[in-house]
Amino acid sequence: MKPMKIESNKFYFLIIFLFGIMDVFAGPGGSGPPAPTAKKPPPPPGLSIDENSVIIIAISLLFGIYIIYTNILKTKTPI
């Protein structure tokens, strides 16, 4: 039998070294996020969502009826 040799595993040392460096970079510190400016953004435009909803519903209903009707005409039904 051969005696066991104690070999240093470079991979494990590399992983430990990289985690040690990550602790330096990811650690707390610094001054934090920048302070917000006093200038407020402009308000969004005053467009109403419900202004033309009846027209949109009517158009979508008519378009759906048109698609269903053309699909029924294209399919052949057995007698």
PDB file of N, CA and C in Angstrom:
ATOM      1  N   MET A   1       0.826  -1.176   0.000  1.00  0.00           N
ATOM      2  CA  MET A   1       0.000   0.000   0.000  1.00  0.00           C
ATOM      3  C   MET A   1       0.874   1.244   0.000  1.00  0.00           C
ATOM      4  N   LYS A   2       0.351   2.232  -0.690  1.00  0.00           N
ATOM      5  CA  LYS A   2       1.055   3.508  -0.723  1.00  0.00           C
ATOM      6  C   LYS A   2       0.590   4.375   0.436  1.00  0.00           C
ATOM      7  N   PRO A   3       1.480   5.100   1.035  1.00  0.00           N
ATOM      8  CA  PRO A   3       1.025   6.039   2.070  1.00  0.00           C
ATOM      9  C   PRO A   3       0.324   7.236   1.439  1.00  0.00           C
ATOM     10  N   MET A   4      -0.670   7.755   2.127  1.00  0.00           N
ATOM     11  CA  MET A   4      -1.427   8.886   1.586  1.00  0.00           C
ATOM     12  C   MET A   4      -0.588  10.151   1.677  1.00  0.00           C
ATOM     13  N   LYS A   5      -0.622  10.926   0.583  1.00  0.00           N
ATOM     14  CA  LYS A   5       0.080  12.189   0.578  1.00  0.00           C
ATOM     15  C   LYS A   5      -0.930  13.295   0.851  1.00  0.00           C
ATOM     16  N   ILE A   6      -0.542  14.228   1.619  1.00  0.00           N
ATOM     17  CA  ILE A   6      -1.397  15.384   1.867  1.00  0.00           C
ATOM     18  C   ILE A   6      -1.074  16.411   0.789  1.00  0.00           C
ATOM     19  N   GLU A   7      -2.022  16.593  -0.108  1.00  0.00           N
ATOM     20  CA  GLU A   7      -1.820  17.532  -1.198  1.00  0.00           C
ATOM     21  C   GLU A   7      -2.679  18.761  -0.948  1.00  0.00           C
ATOM     22  N   SER A   8      -2.098  19.926  -1.207  1.00  0.00           N
ATOM     23  CA  SER A   8      -2.891  21.146  -1.068  1.00  0.00           C
ATOM     24  C   SER A   8      -3.774  21.283  -2.298  1.00  0.00           C
ATOM     25  N   ASN A   9      -5.015  21.521  -2.046  1.00  0.00           N
ATOM     26  CA  ASN A   9      -5.948  21.665  -3.148  1.00  0.00           C
ATOM     27  C   ASN A   9      -6.077  23.153  -3.465  1.00  0.00           C
ATOM     28  N   LYS A  10      -5.540  23.548  -4.586  1.00  0.00           N
ATOM     29  CA  LYS A  10      -5.500  24.953  -4.963  1.00  0.00           C
ATOM     30  C   LYS A  10      -6.903  25.495  -5.256  1.00  0.00           C
ATOM     31  N   PHE A  11      -7.794  24.642  -5.672  1.00  0.00           N
ATOM     32  CA  PHE A  11      -9.152  25.088  -6.000  1.00  0.00           C
ATOM     33  C   PHE A  11      -9.863  25.641  -4.761  1.00  0.00           C
ATOM     34  N   TYR A  12      -9.751  24.927  -3.645  1.00  0.00           N
ATOM     35  CA  TYR A  12     -10.413  25.386  -2.420  1.00  0.00           C
ATOM     36  C   TYR A  12      -9.815  26.695  -1.917  1.00  0.00           C
ATOM     37  N   PHE A  13      -8.506  26.847  -2.041  1.00  0.00           N
ATOM     38  CA  PHE A  13      -7.879  28.097  -1.641  1.00  0.00           C
ATOM     39  C   PHE A  13      -8.325  29.250  -2.525  1.00  0.00           C
ATOM     40  N   LEU A  14      -8.486  28.982  -3.797  1.00  0.00           N
ATOM     41  CA  LEU A  14      -8.943  30.016  -4.723  1.00  0.00           C
ATOM     42  C   LEU A  14     -10.374  30.457  -4.390  1.00  0.00           C
ATOM     43  N   ILE A  15     -11.242  29.512  -4.074  1.00  0.00           N
ATOM     44  CA  ILE A  15     -12.624  29.849  -3.721  1.00  0.00           C
ATOM     45  C   ILE A  15     -12.657  30.669  -2.436  1.00  0.00           C
ATOM     46  N   ILE A  16     -11.897  30.261  -1.433  1.00  0.00           N
ATOM     47  CA  ILE A  16     -11.861  31.013  -0.174  1.00  0.00           C
ATOM     48  C   ILE A  16     -11.320  32.415  -0.408  1.00  0.00           C
ATOM     49  N   PHE A  17     -10.294  32.535  -1.239  1.00  0.00           N
ATOM     50  CA  PHE A  17      -9.727  33.845  -1.548  1.00  0.00           C
ATOM     51  C   PHE A  17     -10.746  34.733  -2.259  1.00  0.00           C
ATOM     52  N   LEU A  18     -11.487  34.179  -3.221  1.00  0.00           N
ATOM     53  CA  LEU A  18     -12.471  34.981  -3.956  1.00  0.00           C
ATOM     54  C   LEU A  18     -13.623  35.417  -3.054  1.00  0.00           C
ATOM     55  N   PHE A  19     -14.065  34.556  -2.160  1.00  0.00           N
ATOM     56  CA  PHE A  19     -15.125  34.964  -1.225  1.00  0.00           C
ATOM     57  C   PHE A  19     -14.628  36.051  -0.276  1.00  0.00           C
ATOM     58  N   GLY A  20     -13.368  36.003   0.088  1.00  0.00           N
ATOM     59  CA  GLY A  20     -12.805  37.043   0.929  1.00  0.00           C
ATOM     60  C   GLY A  20     -12.765  38.381   0.208  1.00  0.00           C
ATOM     61  N   ILE A  21     -12.430  38.369  -1.081  1.00  0.00           N
ATOM     62  CA  ILE A  21     -12.421  39.609  -1.855  1.00  0.00           C
ATOM     63  C   ILE A  21     -13.843  40.108  -2.084  1.00  0.00           C
ATOM     64  N   MET A  22     -14.804  39.195  -2.295  1.00  0.00           N
ATOM     65  CA  MET A  22     -16.191  39.634  -2.487  1.00  0.00           C
ATOM     66  C   MET A  22     -16.716  40.317  -1.238  1.00  0.00           C
ATOM     67  N   ASP A  23     -16.258  39.881  -0.080  1.00  0.00           N
ATOM     68  CA  ASP A  23     -16.687  40.523   1.160  1.00  0.00           C
ATOM     69  C   ASP A  23     -16.210  41.978   1.201  1.00  0.00           C
ATOM     70  N   VAL A  24     -15.071  42.241   0.655  1.00  0.00           N
ATOM     71  CA  VAL A  24     -14.547  43.612   0.634  1.00  0.00           C
ATOM     72  C   VAL A  24     -15.384  44.479  -0.296  1.00  0.00           C
ATOM     73  N   PHE A  25     -15.715  43.960  -1.466  1.00  0.00           N
ATOM     74  CA  PHE A  25     -16.457  44.758  -2.442  1.00  0.00           C
ATOM     75  C   PHE A  25     -17.939  44.867  -2.110  1.00  0.00           C
ATOM     76  N   ALA A  26     -18.529  43.831  -1.534  1.00  0.00           N
ATOM     77  CA  ALA A  26     -19.962  43.837  -1.279  1.00  0.00           C
ATOM     78  C   ALA A  26     -20.307  44.282   0.132  1.00  0.00           C
ATOM     79  N   GLY A  27     -19.338  44.668   0.902  1.00  0.00           N
ATOM     80  CA  GLY A  27     -19.595  45.058   2.275  1.00  0.00           C
ATOM     81  C   GLY A  27     -20.274  46.410   2.368  1.00  0.00           C
ATOM     82  N   PRO A  28     -20.787  46.737   3.556  1.00  0.00           N
ATOM     83  CA  PRO A  28     -21.437  48.028   3.734  1.00  0.00           C
ATOM     84  C   PRO A  28     -20.410  49.148   3.693  1.00  0.00           C
ATOM     85  N   GLY A  29     -20.876  50.306   3.350  1.00  0.00           N
ATOM     86  CA  GLY A  29     -19.970  51.440   3.310  1.00  0.00           C
ATOM     87  C   GLY A  29     -20.434  52.426   2.255  1.00  0.00           C
ATOM     88  N   GLY A  30     -19.658  53.428   2.060  1.00  0.00           N
ATOM     89  CA  GLY A  30     -20.012  54.438   1.080  1.00  0.00           C
ATOM     90  C   GLY A  30     -21.014  55.408   1.667  1.00  0.00           C
ATOM     91  N   SER A  31     -21.447  56.314   0.846  1.00  0.00           N
ATOM     92  CA  SER A  31     -22.372  57.335   1.338  1.00  0.00           C
ATOM     93  C   SER A  31     -23.818  56.997   1.015  1.00  0.00           C
ATOM     94  N   GLY A  32     -24.073  55.874   0.410  1.00  0.00           N
ATOM     95  CA  GLY A  32     -25.444  55.487   0.087  1.00  0.00           C
ATOM     96  C   GLY A  32     -25.899  56.108  -1.233  1.00  0.00           C
ATOM     97  N   PRO A  33     -27.167  56.025  -1.517  1.00  0.00           N
ATOM     98  CA  PRO A  33     -27.667  56.566  -2.780  1.00  0.00           C
ATOM     99  C   PRO A  33     -27.654  58.091  -2.754  1.00  0.00           C
ATOM    100  N   PRO A  34     -27.617  58.702  -3.918  1.00  0.00           N
ATOM    101  CA  PRO A  34     -27.599  60.165  -3.944  1.00  0.00           C
ATOM    102  C   PRO A  34     -28.923  60.735  -3.453  1.00  0.00           C
ATOM    103  N   ALA A  35     -28.853  61.929  -2.908  1.00  0.00           N
ATOM    104  CA  ALA A  35     -30.049  62.589  -2.401  1.00  0.00           C
ATOM    105  C   ALA A  35     -30.925  63.042  -3.566  1.00  0.00           C
ATOM    106  N   PRO A  36     -32.237  62.966  -3.424  1.00  0.00           N
ATOM    107  CA  PRO A  36     -33.108  63.391  -4.521  1.00  0.00           C
ATOM    108  C   PRO A  36     -33.030  64.901  -4.716  1.00  0.00           C
ATOM    109  N   THR A  37     -33.243  65.293  -5.951  1.00  0.00           N
ATOM    110  CA  THR A  37     -33.219  66.719  -6.245  1.00  0.00           C
ATOM    111  C   THR A  37     -34.539  67.349  -5.831  1.00  0.00           C
ATOM    112  N   ALA A  38     -34.522  68.651  -5.619  1.00  0.00           N
ATOM    113  CA  ALA A  38     -35.728  69.349  -5.171  1.00  0.00           C
ATOM    114  C   ALA A  38     -36.720  69.541  -6.313  1.00  0.00           C
ATOM    115  N   LYS A  39     -36.271  69.406  -7.540  1.00  0.00           N
ATOM    116  CA  LYS A  39     -37.133  69.600  -8.705  1.00  0.00           C
ATOM    117  C   LYS A  39     -38.024  68.373  -8.905  1.00  0.00           C
ATOM    118  N   LYS A  40     -39.331  68.581  -8.971  1.00  0.00           N
ATOM    119  CA  LYS A  40     -40.271  67.470  -9.165  1.00  0.00           C
ATOM    120  C   LYS A  40     -40.494  67.244 -10.662  1.00  0.00           C
ATOM    121  N   PRO A  41     -40.774  66.007 -11.048  1.00  0.00           N
ATOM    122  CA  PRO A  41     -41.045  65.748 -12.461  1.00  0.00           C
ATOM    123  C   PRO A  41     -42.395  66.342 -12.850  1.00  0.00           C
ATOM    124  N   PRO A  42     -42.580  66.625 -14.135  1.00  0.00           N
ATOM    125  CA  PRO A  42     -43.864  67.203 -14.559  1.00  0.00           C
ATOM    126  C   PRO A  42     -44.990  66.186 -14.403  1.00  0.00           C
ATOM    127  N   PRO A  43     -46.207  66.643 -14.162  1.00  0.00           N
ATOM    128  CA  PRO A  43     -47.329  65.709 -14.017  1.00  0.00           C
ATOM    129  C   PRO A  43     -47.676  65.068 -15.363  1.00  0.00           C
ATOM    130  N   PRO A  44     -48.273  63.876 -15.335  1.00  0.00           N
ATOM    131  CA  PRO A  44     -48.642  63.223 -16.593  1.00  0.00           C
ATOM    132  C   PRO A  44     -49.763  63.991 -17.282  1.00  0.00           C
ATOM    133  N   PRO A  45     -49.893  63.784 -18.589  1.00  0.00           N
ATOM    134  CA  PRO A  45     -50.957  64.494 -19.298  1.00  0.00           C
ATOM    135  C   PRO A  45     -52.335  64.044 -18.807  1.00  0.00           C
ATOM    136  N   GLY A  46     -53.294  64.944 -18.822  1.00  0.00           N
ATOM    137  CA  GLY A  46     -54.629  64.644 -18.298  1.00  0.00           C
ATOM    138  C   GLY A  46     -55.516  63.976 -19.317  1.00  0.00           C
ATOM    139  N   LEU A  47     -55.197  62.765 -19.670  1.00  0.00           N
ATOM    140  CA  LEU A  47     -56.014  62.016 -20.630  1.00  0.00           C
ATOM    141  C   LEU A  47     -56.934  61.075 -19.869  1.00  0.00           C
ATOM    142  N   SER A  48     -58.176  61.041 -20.263  1.00  0.00           N
ATOM    143  CA  SER A  48     -59.138  60.186 -19.599  1.00  0.00           C
ATOM    144  C   SER A  48     -59.131  58.804 -20.247  1.00  0.00           C
ATOM    145  N   ILE A  49     -59.106  57.777 -19.437  1.00  0.00           N
ATOM    146  CA  ILE A  49     -59.114  56.412 -19.963  1.00  0.00           C
ATOM    147  C   ILE A  49     -60.530  56.041 -20.410  1.00  0.00           C
ATOM    148  N   ASP A  50     -61.536  56.511 -19.692  1.00  0.00           N
ATOM    149  CA  ASP A  50     -62.912  56.113 -19.956  1.00  0.00           C
ATOM    150  C   ASP A  50     -63.594  56.956 -21.037  1.00  0.00           C
ATOM    151  N   GLU A  51     -62.854  57.838 -21.670  1.00  0.00           N
ATOM    152  CA  GLU A  51     -63.479  58.769 -22.609  1.00  0.00           C
ATOM    153  C   GLU A  51     -64.108  58.056 -23.811  1.00  0.00           C
ATOM    154  N   ASN A  52     -63.384  57.126 -24.413  1.00  0.00           N
ATOM    155  CA  ASN A  52     -63.886  56.466 -25.617  1.00  0.00           C
ATOM    156  C   ASN A  52     -64.045  54.966 -25.412  1.00  0.00           C
ATOM    157  N   SER A  53     -64.322  54.523 -24.207  1.00  0.00           N
ATOM    158  CA  SER A  53     -64.403  53.089 -23.948  1.00  0.00           C
ATOM    159  C   SER A  53     -65.628  52.456 -24.630  1.00  0.00           C
ATOM    160  N   VAL A  54     -66.734  53.183 -24.760  1.00  0.00           N
ATOM    161  CA  VAL A  54     -67.923  52.633 -25.420  1.00  0.00           C
ATOM    162  C   VAL A  54     -67.628  52.392 -26.900  1.00  0.00           C
ATOM    163  N   ILE A  55     -66.924  53.299 -27.527  1.00  0.00           N
ATOM    164  CA  ILE A  55     -66.587  53.136 -28.949  1.00  0.00           C
ATOM    165  C   ILE A  55     -65.637  51.963 -29.139  1.00  0.00           C
ATOM    166  N   ILE A  56     -64.653  51.818 -28.250  1.00  0.00           N
ATOM    167  CA  ILE A  56     -63.704  50.709 -28.358  1.00  0.00           C
ATOM    168  C   ILE A  56     -64.401  49.373 -28.162  1.00  0.00           C
ATOM    169  N   ILE A  57     -65.323  49.285 -27.224  1.00  0.00           N
ATOM    170  CA  ILE A  57     -66.064  48.037 -27.004  1.00  0.00           C
ATOM    171  C   ILE A  57     -66.924  47.701 -28.214  1.00  0.00           C
ATOM    172  N   ALA A  58     -67.570  48.695 -28.810  1.00  0.00           N
ATOM    173  CA  ALA A  58     -68.412  48.459 -29.988  1.00  0.00           C
ATOM    174  C   ALA A  58     -67.573  47.989 -31.168  1.00  0.00           C
ATOM    175  N   ILE A  59     -66.418  48.620 -31.384  1.00  0.00           N
ATOM    176  CA  ILE A  59     -65.552  48.207 -32.494  1.00  0.00           C
ATOM    177  C   ILE A  59     -65.037  46.792 -32.280  1.00  0.00           C
ATOM    178  N   SER A  60     -64.629  46.462 -31.049  1.00  0.00           N
ATOM    179  CA  SER A  60     -64.127  45.115 -30.786  1.00  0.00           C
ATOM    180  C   SER A  60     -65.228  44.067 -30.925  1.00  0.00           C
ATOM    181  N   LEU A  61     -66.447  44.397 -30.535  1.00  0.00           N
ATOM    182  CA  LEU A  61     -67.564  43.468 -30.687  1.00  0.00           C
ATOM    183  C   LEU A  61     -67.862  43.220 -32.164  1.00  0.00           C
ATOM    184  N   LEU A  62     -67.893  44.273 -32.963  1.00  0.00           N
ATOM    185  CA  LEU A  62     -68.136  44.112 -34.399  1.00  0.00           C
ATOM    186  C   LEU A  62     -67.010  43.334 -35.068  1.00  0.00           C
ATOM    187  N   PHE A  63     -65.775  43.593 -34.687  1.00  0.00           N
ATOM    188  CA  PHE A  63     -64.649  42.860 -35.263  1.00  0.00           C
ATOM    189  C   PHE A  63     -64.708  41.379 -34.882  1.00  0.00           C
ATOM    190  N   GLY A  64     -65.100  41.069 -33.640  1.00  0.00           N
ATOM    191  CA  GLY A  64     -65.232  39.679 -33.227  1.00  0.00           C
ATOM    192  C   GLY A  64     -66.328  38.957 -33.994  1.00  0.00           C
ATOM    193  N   ILE A  65     -67.457  39.639 -34.218  1.00  0.00           N
ATOM    194  CA  ILE A  65     -68.545  39.042 -35.008  1.00  0.00           C
ATOM    195  C   ILE A  65     -68.080  38.789 -36.439  1.00  0.00           C
ATOM    196  N   TYR A  66     -67.324  39.731 -36.997  1.00  0.00           N
ATOM    197  CA  TYR A  66     -66.810  39.579 -38.363  1.00  0.00           C
ATOM    198  C   TYR A  66     -65.875  38.375 -38.460  1.00  0.00           C
ATOM    199  N   ILE A  67     -64.960  38.207 -37.500  1.00  0.00           N
ATOM    200  CA  ILE A  67     -64.017  37.084 -37.524  1.00  0.00           C
ATOM    201  C   ILE A  67     -64.755  35.756 -37.381  1.00  0.00           C
ATOM    202  N   ILE A  68     -65.714  35.676 -36.477  1.00  0.00           N
ATOM    203  CA  ILE A  68     -66.472  34.435 -36.289  1.00  0.00           C
ATOM    204  C   ILE A  68     -67.286  34.114 -37.540  1.00  0.00           C
ATOM    205  N   TYR A  69     -67.915  35.111 -38.154  1.00  0.00           N
ATOM    206  CA  TYR A  69     -68.742  34.893 -39.334  1.00  0.00           C
ATOM    207  C   TYR A  69     -67.892  34.411 -40.517  1.00  0.00           C
ATOM    208  N   THR A  70     -66.709  35.031 -40.736  1.00  0.00           N
ATOM    209  CA  THR A  70     -65.856  34.586 -41.844  1.00  0.00           C
ATOM    210  C   THR A  70     -65.280  33.204 -41.575  1.00  0.00           C
ATOM    211  N   ASN A  71     -65.046  32.855 -40.325  1.00  0.00           N
ATOM    212  CA  ASN A  71     -64.527  31.534 -40.005  1.00  0.00           C
ATOM    213  C   ASN A  71     -65.596  30.471 -40.256  1.00  0.00           C
ATOM    214  N   ILE A  72     -66.851  30.771 -39.943  1.00  0.00           N
ATOM    215  CA  ILE A  72     -67.937  29.821 -40.173  1.00  0.00           C
ATOM    216  C   ILE A  72     -68.156  29.620 -41.661  1.00  0.00           C
ATOM    217  N   LEU A  73     -68.037  30.666 -42.452  1.00  0.00           N
ATOM    218  CA  LEU A  73     -68.211  30.540 -43.900  1.00  0.00           C
ATOM    219  C   LEU A  73     -67.098  29.725 -44.538  1.00  0.00           C
ATOM    220  N   LYS A  74     -65.881  29.799 -44.011  1.00  0.00           N
ATOM    221  CA  LYS A  74     -64.750  29.084 -44.603  1.00  0.00           C
ATOM    222  C   LYS A  74     -64.784  27.591 -44.286  1.00  0.00           C
ATOM    223  N   THR A  75     -65.309  27.196 -43.131  1.00  0.00           N
ATOM    224  CA  THR A  75     -65.330  25.786 -42.778  1.00  0.00           C
ATOM    225  C   THR A  75     -66.497  25.097 -43.471  1.00  0.00           C
ATOM    226  N   LYS A  76     -66.239  23.913 -43.916  1.00  0.00           N
ATOM    227  CA  LYS A  76     -67.294  23.140 -44.571  1.00  0.00           C
ATOM    228  C   LYS A  76     -67.996  22.281 -43.530  1.00  0.00           C
ATOM    229  N   THR A  77     -69.299  22.340 -43.508  1.00  0.00           N
ATOM    230  CA  THR A  77     -70.056  21.537 -42.569  1.00  0.00           C
ATOM    231  C   THR A  77     -70.671  20.350 -43.321  1.00  0.00           C
ATOM    232  N   PRO A  78     -70.519  19.144 -42.780  1.00  0.00           N
ATOM    233  CA  PRO A  78     -71.126  17.990 -43.456  1.00  0.00           C
ATOM    234  C   PRO A  78     -72.643  17.999 -43.317  1.00  0.00           C
ATOM    235  N   ILE A  79     -73.279  17.508 -44.353  1.00  0.00           N
ATOM    236  CA  ILE A  79     -74.755  17.471 -44.340  1.00  0.00           C
ATOM    237  C   ILE A  79     -75.213  16.116 -43.844  1.00  0.00           C
TER     238      ILE A  79
END
